[in-house]
PDB file of all heavy atoms in Angstrom:
ATOM      1  N   TRP A   1       0.029  29.665  -0.573  1.00  0.00           N
ATOM      2  CA  TRP A   1      -1.428  29.910  -0.760  1.00  0.00           C
ATOM      3  C   TRP A   1      -1.777  29.374  -2.064  1.00  0.00           C
ATOM      4  O   TRP A   1      -2.807  28.688  -2.128  1.00  0.00           O
ATOM      5  CB  TRP A   1      -1.622  31.453  -0.653  1.00  0.00           C
ATOM      6  CG  TRP A   1      -3.003  31.795  -1.025  1.00  0.00           C
ATOM      7  CD1 TRP A   1      -3.542  32.143  -2.467  1.00  0.00           C
ATOM      8  CD2 TRP A   1      -4.223  31.884  -0.276  1.00  0.00           C
ATOM      9  NE1 TRP A   1      -4.883  32.358  -2.343  1.00  0.00           N
ATOM     10  CE2 TRP A   1      -5.280  32.233  -1.135  1.00  0.00           C
ATOM     11  CE3 TRP A   1      -4.413  31.731   1.008  1.00  0.00           C
ATOM     12  CZ2 TRP A   1      -6.525  32.268  -0.520  1.00  0.00           C
ATOM     13  CZ3 TRP A   1      -5.707  31.675   1.534  1.00  0.00           C
ATOM     14  CH2 TRP A   1      -6.765  32.072   0.823  1.00  0.00           C
ATOM     15  N   GLN A   2      -1.091  29.621  -3.241  1.00  0.00           N
ATOM     16  CA  GLN A   2      -1.497  29.108  -4.497  1.00  0.00           C
ATOM     17  C   GLN A   2      -1.474  27.605  -4.504  1.00  0.00           C
ATOM     18  O   GLN A   2      -2.365  27.102  -5.020  1.00  0.00           O
ATOM     19  CB  GLN A   2      -0.586  29.730  -5.631  1.00  0.00           C
ATOM     20  CG  GLN A   2      -0.813  31.176  -5.775  1.00  0.00           C
ATOM     21  CD  GLN A   2       0.298  31.869  -6.689  1.00  0.00           C
ATOM     22  OE1 GLN A   2       1.359  31.466  -6.694  1.00  0.00           O
ATOM     23  NE2 GLN A   2      -0.081  32.779  -7.507  1.00  0.00           N
ATOM     24  N   ALA A   3      -0.393  26.971  -3.924  1.00  0.00           N
ATOM     25  CA  ALA A   3      -0.274  25.564  -3.939  1.00  0.00           C
ATOM     26  C   ALA A   3      -1.540  24.917  -3.272  1.00  0.00           C
ATOM     27  O   ALA A   3      -2.043  23.959  -3.473  1.00  0.00           O
ATOM     28  CB  ALA A   3       1.091  25.104  -3.457  1.00  0.00           C
ATOM     29  N   SER A   4      -1.736  25.616  -1.996  1.00  0.00           N
ATOM     30  CA  SER A   4      -2.727  25.106  -1.076  1.00  0.00           C
ATOM     31  C   SER A   4      -4.251  25.229  -1.809  1.00  0.00           C
ATOM     32  O   SER A   4      -4.957  24.286  -1.862  1.00  0.00           O
ATOM     33  CB  SER A   4      -2.794  25.951   0.180  1.00  0.00           C
ATOM     34  OG  SER A   4      -3.878  25.531   1.038  1.00  0.00           O
ATOM     35  N   MET A   5      -4.408  26.314  -2.450  1.00  0.00           N
ATOM     36  CA  MET A   5      -5.640  26.490  -3.300  1.00  0.00           C
ATOM     37  C   MET A   5      -5.836  25.447  -4.232  1.00  0.00           C
ATOM     38  O   MET A   5      -6.865  24.889  -4.558  1.00  0.00           O
ATOM     39  CB  MET A   5      -5.806  27.940  -3.879  1.00  0.00           C
ATOM     40  CG  MET A   5      -5.832  28.983  -2.663  1.00  0.00           C
ATOM     41  SD  MET A   5      -7.185  28.770  -1.395  1.00  0.00           S
ATOM     42  CE  MET A   5      -8.674  28.966  -2.438  1.00  0.00           C
ATOM     43  N   LEU A   6      -4.780  25.356  -5.055  1.00  0.00           N
ATOM     44  CA  LEU A   6      -4.842  24.300  -6.193  1.00  0.00           C
ATOM     45  C   LEU A   6      -5.150  22.823  -5.626  1.00  0.00           C
ATOM     46  O   LEU A   6      -5.943  22.222  -6.174  1.00  0.00           O
ATOM     47  CB  LEU A   6      -3.469  24.193  -6.880  1.00  0.00           C
ATOM     48  CG  LEU A   6      -3.442  23.277  -8.067  1.00  0.00           C
ATOM     49  CD1 LEU A   6      -4.510  23.624  -9.200  1.00  0.00           C
ATOM     50  CD2 LEU A   6      -2.018  23.402  -8.713  1.00  0.00           C
ATOM     51  N   TRP A   7      -4.530  22.500  -4.554  1.00  0.00           N
ATOM     52  CA  TRP A   7      -4.719  21.171  -3.825  1.00  0.00           C
ATOM     53  C   TRP A   7      -6.149  21.168  -3.459  1.00  0.00           C
ATOM     54  O   TRP A   7      -6.863  20.153  -3.664  1.00  0.00           O
ATOM     55  CB  TRP A   7      -3.699  20.944  -2.723  1.00  0.00           C
ATOM     56  CG  TRP A   7      -3.938  19.831  -1.842  1.00  0.00           C
ATOM     57  CD1 TRP A   7      -3.718  18.472  -2.251  1.00  0.00           C
ATOM     58  CD2 TRP A   7      -4.500  19.752  -0.517  1.00  0.00           C
ATOM     59  NE1 TRP A   7      -4.163  17.695  -1.237  1.00  0.00           N
ATOM     60  CE2 TRP A   7      -4.534  18.423  -0.215  1.00  0.00           C
ATOM     61  CE3 TRP A   7      -4.903  20.760   0.321  1.00  0.00           C
ATOM     62  CZ2 TRP A   7      -4.978  18.000   1.010  1.00  0.00           C
ATOM     63  CZ3 TRP A   7      -5.407  20.385   1.508  1.00  0.00           C
ATOM     64  CH2 TRP A   7      -5.477  19.047   1.914  1.00  0.00           C
ATOM     65  N   GLN A   8      -6.547  22.198  -2.773  1.00  0.00           N
ATOM     66  CA  GLN A   8      -7.963  22.204  -2.141  1.00  0.00           C
ATOM     67  C   GLN A   8      -9.060  22.125  -3.376  1.00  0.00           C
ATOM     68  O   GLN A   8     -10.091  21.437  -3.071  1.00  0.00           O
ATOM     69  CB  GLN A   8      -8.323  23.399  -1.370  1.00  0.00           C
ATOM     70  CG  GLN A   8      -7.570  23.381   0.032  1.00  0.00           C
ATOM     71  CD  GLN A   8      -7.856  24.551   0.865  1.00  0.00           C
ATOM     72  OE1 GLN A   8      -8.921  24.893   1.114  1.00  0.00           O
ATOM     73  NE2 GLN A   8      -6.674  25.316   1.255  1.00  0.00           N
ATOM     74  N   ARG A   9      -8.747  22.656  -4.359  1.00  0.00           N
ATOM     75  CA  ARG A   9      -9.775  22.567  -5.541  1.00  0.00           C
ATOM     76  C   ARG A   9      -9.815  21.111  -6.034  1.00  0.00           C
ATOM     77  O   ARG A   9     -10.972  20.627  -6.309  1.00  0.00           O
ATOM     78  CB  ARG A   9      -9.296  23.442  -6.757  1.00  0.00           C
ATOM     79  CG  ARG A   9      -9.800  24.716  -6.803  1.00  0.00           C
ATOM     80  CD  ARG A   9      -9.529  25.568  -8.045  1.00  0.00           C
ATOM     81  NE  ARG A   9      -9.175  26.855  -7.687  1.00  0.00           N
ATOM     82  CZ  ARG A   9      -7.964  27.388  -8.022  1.00  0.00           C
ATOM     83  NH1 ARG A   9      -7.125  26.748  -8.784  1.00  0.00           N
ATOM     84  NH2 ARG A   9      -7.757  28.518  -7.551  1.00  0.00           N
ATOM     85  N   LYS A  10      -8.684  20.495  -6.077  1.00  0.00           N
ATOM     86  CA  LYS A  10      -8.779  19.094  -6.578  1.00  0.00           C
ATOM     87  C   LYS A  10      -9.382  18.165  -5.361  1.00  0.00           C
ATOM     88  O   LYS A  10     -10.306  17.258  -5.837  1.00  0.00           O
ATOM     89  CB  LYS A  10      -7.374  18.583  -6.695  1.00  0.00           C
ATOM     90  CG  LYS A  10      -6.636  19.230  -7.922  1.00  0.00           C
ATOM     91  CD  LYS A  10      -5.135  18.781  -8.119  1.00  0.00           C
ATOM     92  CE  LYS A  10      -4.494  19.335  -9.240  1.00  0.00           C
ATOM     93  NZ  LYS A  10      -5.004  19.058 -10.470  1.00  0.00           N
ATOM     94  N   ILE A  11      -9.229  18.437  -4.103  1.00  0.00           N
ATOM     95  CA  ILE A  11      -9.837  17.749  -3.009  1.00  0.00           C
ATOM     96  C   ILE A  11     -11.388  18.037  -3.127  1.00  0.00           C
ATOM     97  O   ILE A  11     -12.222  17.084  -3.187  1.00  0.00           O
ATOM     98  CB  ILE A  11      -9.303  18.029  -1.619  1.00  0.00           C
ATOM     99  CG1 ILE A  11      -7.941  17.702  -1.514  1.00  0.00           C
ATOM    100  CG2 ILE A  11     -10.204  17.537  -0.597  1.00  0.00           C
ATOM    101  CD1 ILE A  11      -7.530  16.200  -1.388  1.00  0.00           C
ATOM    102  N   LYS A  12     -11.720  19.148  -3.300  1.00  0.00           N
ATOM    103  CA  LYS A  12     -13.285  19.625  -3.468  1.00  0.00           C
ATOM    104  C   LYS A  12     -13.844  18.868  -4.546  1.00  0.00           C
ATOM    105  O   LYS A  12     -15.020  18.246  -4.442  1.00  0.00           O
ATOM    106  CB  LYS A  12     -13.323  21.065  -3.684  1.00  0.00           C
ATOM    107  CG  LYS A  12     -14.787  21.567  -3.746  1.00  0.00           C
ATOM    108  CD  LYS A  12     -14.886  23.072  -3.951  1.00  0.00           C
ATOM    109  CE  LYS A  12     -16.278  23.488  -4.140  1.00  0.00           C
ATOM    110  NZ  LYS A  12     -16.353  25.036  -4.325  1.00  0.00           N
ATOM    111  N   LYS A  13     -13.273  18.783  -5.688  1.00  0.00           N
ATOM    112  CA  LYS A  13     -13.778  17.915  -6.792  1.00  0.00           C
ATOM    113  C   LYS A  13     -13.915  16.581  -6.425  1.00  0.00           C
ATOM    114  O   LYS A  13     -14.814  15.999  -6.858  1.00  0.00           O
ATOM    115  CB  LYS A  13     -12.858  18.240  -8.065  1.00  0.00           C
ATOM    116  CG  LYS A  13     -13.353  17.550  -9.324  1.00  0.00           C
ATOM    117  CD  LYS A  13     -12.405  17.893 -10.478  1.00  0.00           C
ATOM    118  CE  LYS A  13     -12.995  17.257 -11.775  1.00  0.00           C
ATOM    119  NZ  LYS A  13     -12.050  17.395 -12.969  1.00  0.00           N
ATOM    120  N   ALA A  14     -12.927  16.049  -5.967  1.00  0.00           N
ATOM    121  CA  ALA A  14     -12.995  14.612  -5.561  1.00  0.00           C
ATOM    122  C   ALA A  14     -14.023  14.250  -4.596  1.00  0.00           C
ATOM    123  O   ALA A  14     -14.666  13.117  -4.612  1.00  0.00           O
ATOM    124  CB  ALA A  14     -11.604  14.130  -4.907  1.00  0.00           C
ATOM    125  N   LEU A  15     -14.267  15.097  -3.652  1.00  0.00           N
ATOM    126  CA  LEU A  15     -15.261  14.953  -2.587  1.00  0.00           C
ATOM    127  C   LEU A  15     -16.765  15.209  -3.014  1.00  0.00           C
ATOM    128  O   LEU A  15     -17.687  14.890  -2.354  1.00  0.00           O
ATOM    129  CB  LEU A  15     -14.984  15.797  -1.274  1.00  0.00           C
ATOM    130  CG  LEU A  15     -13.786  15.310  -0.531  1.00  0.00           C
ATOM    131  CD1 LEU A  15     -13.418  16.363   0.581  1.00  0.00           C
ATOM    132  CD2 LEU A  15     -13.851  13.952   0.037  1.00  0.00           C
ATOM    133  N   HIS A  16     -16.771  16.020  -4.143  1.00  0.00           N
ATOM    134  CA  HIS A  16     -18.271  16.250  -4.605  1.00  0.00           C
ATOM    135  C   HIS A  16     -19.066  15.050  -4.765  1.00  0.00           C
ATOM    136  O   HIS A  16     -20.356  15.211  -4.405  1.00  0.00           O
ATOM    137  CB  HIS A  16     -18.148  17.178  -5.967  1.00  0.00           C
ATOM    138  CG  HIS A  16     -19.373  17.443  -6.551  1.00  0.00           C
ATOM    139  ND1 HIS A  16     -20.192  18.544  -5.991  1.00  0.00           N
ATOM    140  CD2 HIS A  16     -20.109  16.934  -7.589  1.00  0.00           C
ATOM    141  CE1 HIS A  16     -21.118  18.671  -6.762  1.00  0.00           C
ATOM    142  NE2 HIS A  16     -21.306  17.695  -7.632  1.00  0.00           N
ATOM    143  N   GLU A  17     -18.643  13.940  -5.373  1.00  0.00           N
ATOM    144  CA  GLU A  17     -19.378  12.751  -5.472  1.00  0.00           C
ATOM    145  C   GLU A  17     -19.962  12.129  -4.308  1.00  0.00           C
ATOM    146  O   GLU A  17     -20.960  11.431  -4.188  1.00  0.00           O
ATOM    147  CB  GLU A  17     -18.797  11.843  -6.505  1.00  0.00           C
ATOM    148  CG  GLU A  17     -17.801  11.091  -5.756  1.00  0.00           C
ATOM    149  CD  GLU A  17     -17.131   9.909  -6.729  1.00  0.00           C
ATOM    150  OE1 GLU A  17     -17.666   8.861  -6.761  1.00  0.00           O
ATOM    151  OE2 GLU A  17     -16.166  10.259  -7.484  1.00  0.00           O
ATOM    152  N   TYR A  18     -19.311  12.584  -3.136  1.00  0.00           N
ATOM    153  CA  TYR A  18     -19.607  12.009  -1.845  1.00  0.00           C
ATOM    154  C   TYR A  18     -20.591  13.016  -1.009  1.00  0.00           C
ATOM    155  O   TYR A  18     -20.948  12.684   0.186  1.00  0.00           O
ATOM    156  CB  TYR A  18     -18.450  11.644  -0.977  1.00  0.00           C
ATOM    157  CG  TYR A  18     -17.636  10.562  -1.796  1.00  0.00           C
ATOM    158  CD1 TYR A  18     -16.458  11.057  -2.439  1.00  0.00           C
ATOM    159  CD2 TYR A  18     -17.974   9.301  -1.797  1.00  0.00           C
ATOM    160  CE1 TYR A  18     -15.730  10.081  -3.164  1.00  0.00           C
ATOM    161  CE2 TYR A  18     -17.186   8.420  -2.498  1.00  0.00           C
ATOM    162  CZ  TYR A  18     -15.986   8.711  -3.168  1.00  0.00           C
ATOM    163  OH  TYR A  18     -15.226   7.877  -3.817  1.00  0.00           O
ATOM    164  N   ASP A  19     -20.899  14.098  -1.698  1.00  0.00           N
ATOM    165  CA  ASP A  19     -21.652  15.174  -1.074  1.00  0.00           C
ATOM    166  C   ASP A  19     -21.015  15.622   0.342  1.00  0.00           C
ATOM    167  O   ASP A  19     -21.765  15.765   1.287  1.00  0.00           O
ATOM    168  CB  ASP A  19     -23.115  14.743  -0.766  1.00  0.00           C
ATOM    169  CG  ASP A  19     -24.012  15.835  -0.499  1.00  0.00           C
ATOM    170  OD1 ASP A  19     -23.862  16.933  -0.821  1.00  0.00           O
ATOM    171  OD2 ASP A  19     -25.073  15.520   0.300  1.00  0.00           O
ATOM    172  N   LEU A  20     -19.603  15.791   0.360  1.00  0.00           N
ATOM    173  CA  LEU A  20     -18.914  16.283   1.424  1.00  0.00           C
ATOM    174  C   LEU A  20     -18.151  17.524   1.104  1.00  0.00           C
ATOM    175  O   LEU A  20     -17.574  17.554  -0.020  1.00  0.00           O
ATOM    176  CB  LEU A  20     -18.024  15.211   1.937  1.00  0.00           C
ATOM    177  CG  LEU A  20     -18.570  13.967   2.624  1.00  0.00           C
ATOM    178  CD1 LEU A  20     -17.565  12.917   2.844  1.00  0.00           C
ATOM    179  CD2 LEU A  20     -19.361  14.332   3.954  1.00  0.00           C
ATOM    180  N   THR A  21     -18.102  18.445   2.001  1.00  0.00           N
ATOM    181  CA  THR A  21     -17.234  19.487   1.844  1.00  0.00           C
ATOM    182  C   THR A  21     -15.790  19.020   2.327  1.00  0.00           C
ATOM    183  O   THR A  21     -15.780  17.968   3.186  1.00  0.00           O
ATOM    184  CB  THR A  21     -17.552  20.746   2.540  1.00  0.00           C
ATOM    185  OG1 THR A  21     -17.473  20.369   4.012  1.00  0.00           O
ATOM    186  CG2 THR A  21     -19.037  21.232   2.087  1.00  0.00           C
ATOM    187  N   HIS A  22     -14.776  19.706   2.065  1.00  0.00           N
ATOM    188  CA  HIS A  22     -13.441  19.305   2.457  1.00  0.00           C
ATOM    189  C   HIS A  22     -13.483  19.435   4.084  1.00  0.00           C
ATOM    190  O   HIS A  22     -13.017  18.584   4.800  1.00  0.00           O
ATOM    191  CB  HIS A  22     -12.343  20.312   2.079  1.00  0.00           C
ATOM    192  CG  HIS A  22     -11.044  19.787   2.106  1.00  0.00           C
ATOM    193  ND1 HIS A  22     -10.049  20.393   1.685  1.00  0.00           N
ATOM    194  CD2 HIS A  22     -10.545  18.744   2.767  1.00  0.00           C
ATOM    195  CE1 HIS A  22      -8.811  19.764   1.978  1.00  0.00           C
ATOM    196  NE2 HIS A  22      -9.163  18.609   2.600  1.00  0.00           N
ATOM    197  N   THR A  23     -14.123  20.558   4.686  1.00  0.00           N
ATOM    198  CA  THR A  23     -14.246  20.586   6.068  1.00  0.00           C
ATOM    199  C   THR A  23     -14.909  19.477   6.753  1.00  0.00           C
ATOM    200  O   THR A  23     -14.476  18.799   7.747  1.00  0.00           O
ATOM    201  CB  THR A  23     -14.955  21.962   6.486  1.00  0.00           C
ATOM    202  OG1 THR A  23     -14.112  22.942   6.051  1.00  0.00           O
ATOM    203  CG2 THR A  23     -15.087  22.113   8.024  1.00  0.00           C
ATOM    204  N   GLN A  24     -16.071  19.008   6.161  1.00  0.00           N
ATOM    205  CA  GLN A  24     -16.730  17.930   6.634  1.00  0.00           C
ATOM    206  C   GLN A  24     -15.940  16.647   6.502  1.00  0.00           C
ATOM    207  O   GLN A  24     -16.122  15.877   7.507  1.00  0.00           O
ATOM    208  CB  GLN A  24     -18.138  17.716   5.957  1.00  0.00           C
ATOM    209  CG  GLN A  24     -19.098  18.751   6.144  1.00  0.00           C
ATOM    210  CD  GLN A  24     -20.251  18.750   5.014  1.00  0.00           C
ATOM    211  OE1 GLN A  24     -20.273  18.052   4.046  1.00  0.00           O
ATOM    212  NE2 GLN A  24     -21.351  19.441   5.330  1.00  0.00           N
ATOM    213  N   PHE A  25     -15.353  16.436   5.435  1.00  0.00           N
ATOM    214  CA  PHE A  25     -14.394  15.351   5.446  1.00  0.00           C
ATOM    215  C   PHE A  25     -13.367  15.224   6.567  1.00  0.00           C
ATOM    216  O   PHE A  25     -13.122  14.196   7.125  1.00  0.00           O
ATOM    217  CB  PHE A  25     -13.709  15.159   3.990  1.00  0.00           C
ATOM    218  CG  PHE A  25     -12.698  14.104   3.853  1.00  0.00           C
ATOM    219  CD1 PHE A  25     -12.903  12.863   3.692  1.00  0.00           C
ATOM    220  CD2 PHE A  25     -11.365  14.642   4.134  1.00  0.00           C
ATOM    221  CE1 PHE A  25     -11.861  11.952   3.749  1.00  0.00           C
ATOM    222  CE2 PHE A  25     -10.321  13.616   3.984  1.00  0.00           C
ATOM    223  CZ  PHE A  25     -10.638  12.242   3.851  1.00  0.00           C
ATOM    224  N   VAL A  26     -12.801  16.398   6.697  1.00  0.00           N
ATOM    225  CA  VAL A  26     -11.760  16.378   7.738  1.00  0.00           C
ATOM    226  C   VAL A  26     -12.309  16.097   9.132  1.00  0.00           C
ATOM    227  O   VAL A  26     -11.661  15.375   9.919  1.00  0.00           O
ATOM    228  CB  VAL A  26     -10.907  17.782   7.815  1.00  0.00           C
ATOM    229  CG1 VAL A  26     -10.072  17.963   8.937  1.00  0.00           C
ATOM    230  CG2 VAL A  26     -10.114  17.938   6.494  1.00  0.00           C
ATOM    231  N   ILE A  27     -13.454  16.679   9.376  1.00  0.00           N
ATOM    232  CA  ILE A  27     -14.065  16.435  10.642  1.00  0.00           C
ATOM    233  C   ILE A  27     -14.369  14.887  10.845  1.00  0.00           C
ATOM    234  O   ILE A  27     -14.131  14.351  11.888  1.00  0.00           O
ATOM    235  CB  ILE A  27     -15.381  17.322  10.847  1.00  0.00           C
ATOM    236  CG1 ILE A  27     -14.850  18.711  11.040  1.00  0.00           C
ATOM    237  CG2 ILE A  27     -16.235  16.771  11.944  1.00  0.00           C
ATOM    238  CD1 ILE A  27     -15.958  19.859  11.050  1.00  0.00           C
ATOM    239  N   LEU A  28     -14.968  14.185   9.884  1.00  0.00           N
ATOM    240  CA  LEU A  28     -15.145  12.867   9.882  1.00  0.00           C
ATOM    241  C   LEU A  28     -13.932  12.087  10.191  1.00  0.00           C
ATOM    242  O   LEU A  28     -13.893  11.130  11.004  1.00  0.00           O
ATOM    243  CB  LEU A  28     -15.775  12.353   8.619  1.00  0.00           C
ATOM    244  CG  LEU A  28     -17.378  12.772   8.442  1.00  0.00           C
ATOM    245  CD1 LEU A  28     -17.804  12.230   6.886  1.00  0.00           C
ATOM    246  CD2 LEU A  28     -18.308  12.149   9.430  1.00  0.00           C
ATOM    247  N   ALA A  29     -12.880  12.418   9.573  1.00  0.00           N
ATOM    248  CA  ALA A  29     -11.569  11.768   9.610  1.00  0.00           C
ATOM    249  C   ALA A  29     -10.989  11.972  10.971  1.00  0.00           C
ATOM    250  O   ALA A  29     -10.467  11.065  11.541  1.00  0.00           O
ATOM    251  CB  ALA A  29     -10.522  12.236   8.551  1.00  0.00           C
ATOM    252  N   VAL A  30     -11.009  13.181  11.423  1.00  0.00           N
ATOM    253  CA  VAL A  30     -10.597  13.505  12.634  1.00  0.00           C
ATOM    254  C   VAL A  30     -11.269  12.706  13.852  1.00  0.00           C
ATOM    255  O   VAL A  30     -10.702  12.162  14.801  1.00  0.00           O
ATOM    256  CB  VAL A  30     -10.546  15.059  13.073  1.00  0.00           C
ATOM    257  CG1 VAL A  30     -10.319  15.419  14.600  1.00  0.00           C
ATOM    258  CG2 VAL A  30      -9.432  15.742  12.154  1.00  0.00           C
ATOM    259  N   MET A  31     -12.472  12.669  13.728  1.00  0.00           N
ATOM    260  CA  MET A  31     -13.361  11.913  14.657  1.00  0.00           C
ATOM    261  C   MET A  31     -12.952  10.529  14.701  1.00  0.00           C
ATOM    262  O   MET A  31     -12.874   9.942  15.913  1.00  0.00           O
ATOM    263  CB  MET A  31     -14.963  12.023  14.346  1.00  0.00           C
ATOM    264  CG  MET A  31     -15.422  13.406  14.581  1.00  0.00           C
ATOM    265  SD  MET A  31     -17.185  13.665  13.869  1.00  0.00           S
ATOM    266  CE  MET A  31     -17.986  12.204  14.563  1.00  0.00           C
ATOM    267  N   GLU A  32     -12.678   9.894  13.594  1.00  0.00           N
ATOM    268  CA  GLU A  32     -12.272   8.537  13.525  1.00  0.00           C
ATOM    269  C   GLU A  32     -10.871   8.315  14.149  1.00  0.00           C
ATOM    270  O   GLU A  32     -10.659   7.358  14.943  1.00  0.00           O
ATOM    271  CB  GLU A  32     -12.254   8.009  12.070  1.00  0.00           C
ATOM    272  CG  GLU A  32     -12.289   6.544  11.899  1.00  0.00           C
ATOM    273  CD  GLU A  32     -13.686   5.912  12.382  1.00  0.00           C
ATOM    274  OE1 GLU A  32     -14.684   6.451  12.601  1.00  0.00           O
ATOM    275  OE2 GLU A  32     -13.548   4.734  12.742  1.00  0.00           O
ATOM    276  N   GLU A  33      -9.994   9.277  13.834  1.00  0.00           N
ATOM    277  CA  GLU A  33      -8.616   9.334  14.441  1.00  0.00           C
ATOM    278  C   GLU A  33      -8.685   9.325  15.927  1.00  0.00           C
ATOM    279  O   GLU A  33      -7.955   8.559  16.597  1.00  0.00           O
ATOM    280  CB  GLU A  33      -7.722  10.371  13.801  1.00  0.00           C
ATOM    281  CG  GLU A  33      -6.394  10.410  14.319  1.00  0.00           C
ATOM    282  CD  GLU A  33      -5.452   9.246  13.817  1.00  0.00           C
ATOM    283  OE1 GLU A  33      -5.726   8.645  12.895  1.00  0.00           O
ATOM    284  OE2 GLU A  33      -4.427   9.172  14.519  1.00  0.00           O
ATOM    285  N   LEU A  34      -9.501  10.326  16.475  1.00  0.00           N
ATOM    286  CA  LEU A  34      -9.528  10.495  17.787  1.00  0.00           C
ATOM    287  C   LEU A  34     -10.115   9.340  18.512  1.00  0.00           C
ATOM    288  O   LEU A  34      -9.600   8.897  19.541  1.00  0.00           O
ATOM    289  CB  LEU A  34     -10.329  11.698  18.316  1.00  0.00           C
ATOM    290  CG  LEU A  34      -9.659  13.157  17.926  1.00  0.00           C
ATOM    291  CD1 LEU A  34     -10.708  14.199  18.107  1.00  0.00           C
ATOM    292  CD2 LEU A  34      -8.446  13.336  18.764  1.00  0.00           C
ATOM    293  N   SER A  35     -11.022   8.698  17.978  1.00  0.00           N
ATOM    294  CA  SER A  35     -11.699   7.541  18.481  1.00  0.00           C
ATOM    295  C   SER A  35     -10.665   6.387  18.482  1.00  0.00           C
ATOM    296  O   SER A  35     -10.600   5.604  19.437  1.00  0.00           O
ATOM    297  CB  SER A  35     -12.960   7.162  17.672  1.00  0.00           C
ATOM    298  OG  SER A  35     -13.505   5.987  18.108  1.00  0.00           O
ATOM    299  N   GLU A  36      -9.862   6.119  17.423  1.00  0.00           N
ATOM    300  CA  GLU A  36      -9.002   4.988  17.376  1.00  0.00           C
ATOM    301  C   GLU A  36      -7.942   5.240  18.500  1.00  0.00           C
ATOM    302  O   GLU A  36      -7.330   4.348  18.924  1.00  0.00           O
ATOM    303  CB  GLU A  36      -8.364   4.957  15.989  1.00  0.00           C
ATOM    304  CG  GLU A  36      -9.370   4.515  14.936  1.00  0.00           C
ATOM    305  CD  GLU A  36      -8.698   4.518  13.437  1.00  0.00           C
ATOM    306  OE1 GLU A  36      -7.617   5.002  13.355  1.00  0.00           O
ATOM    307  OE2 GLU A  36      -9.449   4.206  12.570  1.00  0.00           O
ATOM    308  N   GLN A  37      -7.648   6.615  18.767  1.00  0.00           N
ATOM    309  CA  GLN A  37      -6.547   6.704  19.769  1.00  0.00           C
ATOM    310  C   GLN A  37      -7.065   6.679  21.225  1.00  0.00           C
ATOM    311  O   GLN A  37      -6.302   6.893  22.126  1.00  0.00           O
ATOM    312  CB  GLN A  37      -5.937   8.229  19.502  1.00  0.00           C
ATOM    313  CG  GLN A  37      -5.194   8.336  18.333  1.00  0.00           C
ATOM    314  CD  GLN A  37      -4.659   9.730  18.114  1.00  0.00           C
ATOM    315  OE1 GLN A  37      -4.817  10.611  19.012  1.00  0.00           O
ATOM    316  NE2 GLN A  37      -4.036  10.056  17.028  1.00  0.00           N
TER     317      GLN A  37
END
């Protein structure tokens, strides 16, 4: 849990400048992956 939360905080900070939540980013990425497959 602690390692996951630390990683997620860093991801959240990195995605802030793109105005994306982590969940939104994952959904965009999954949509692209499914489409490519």
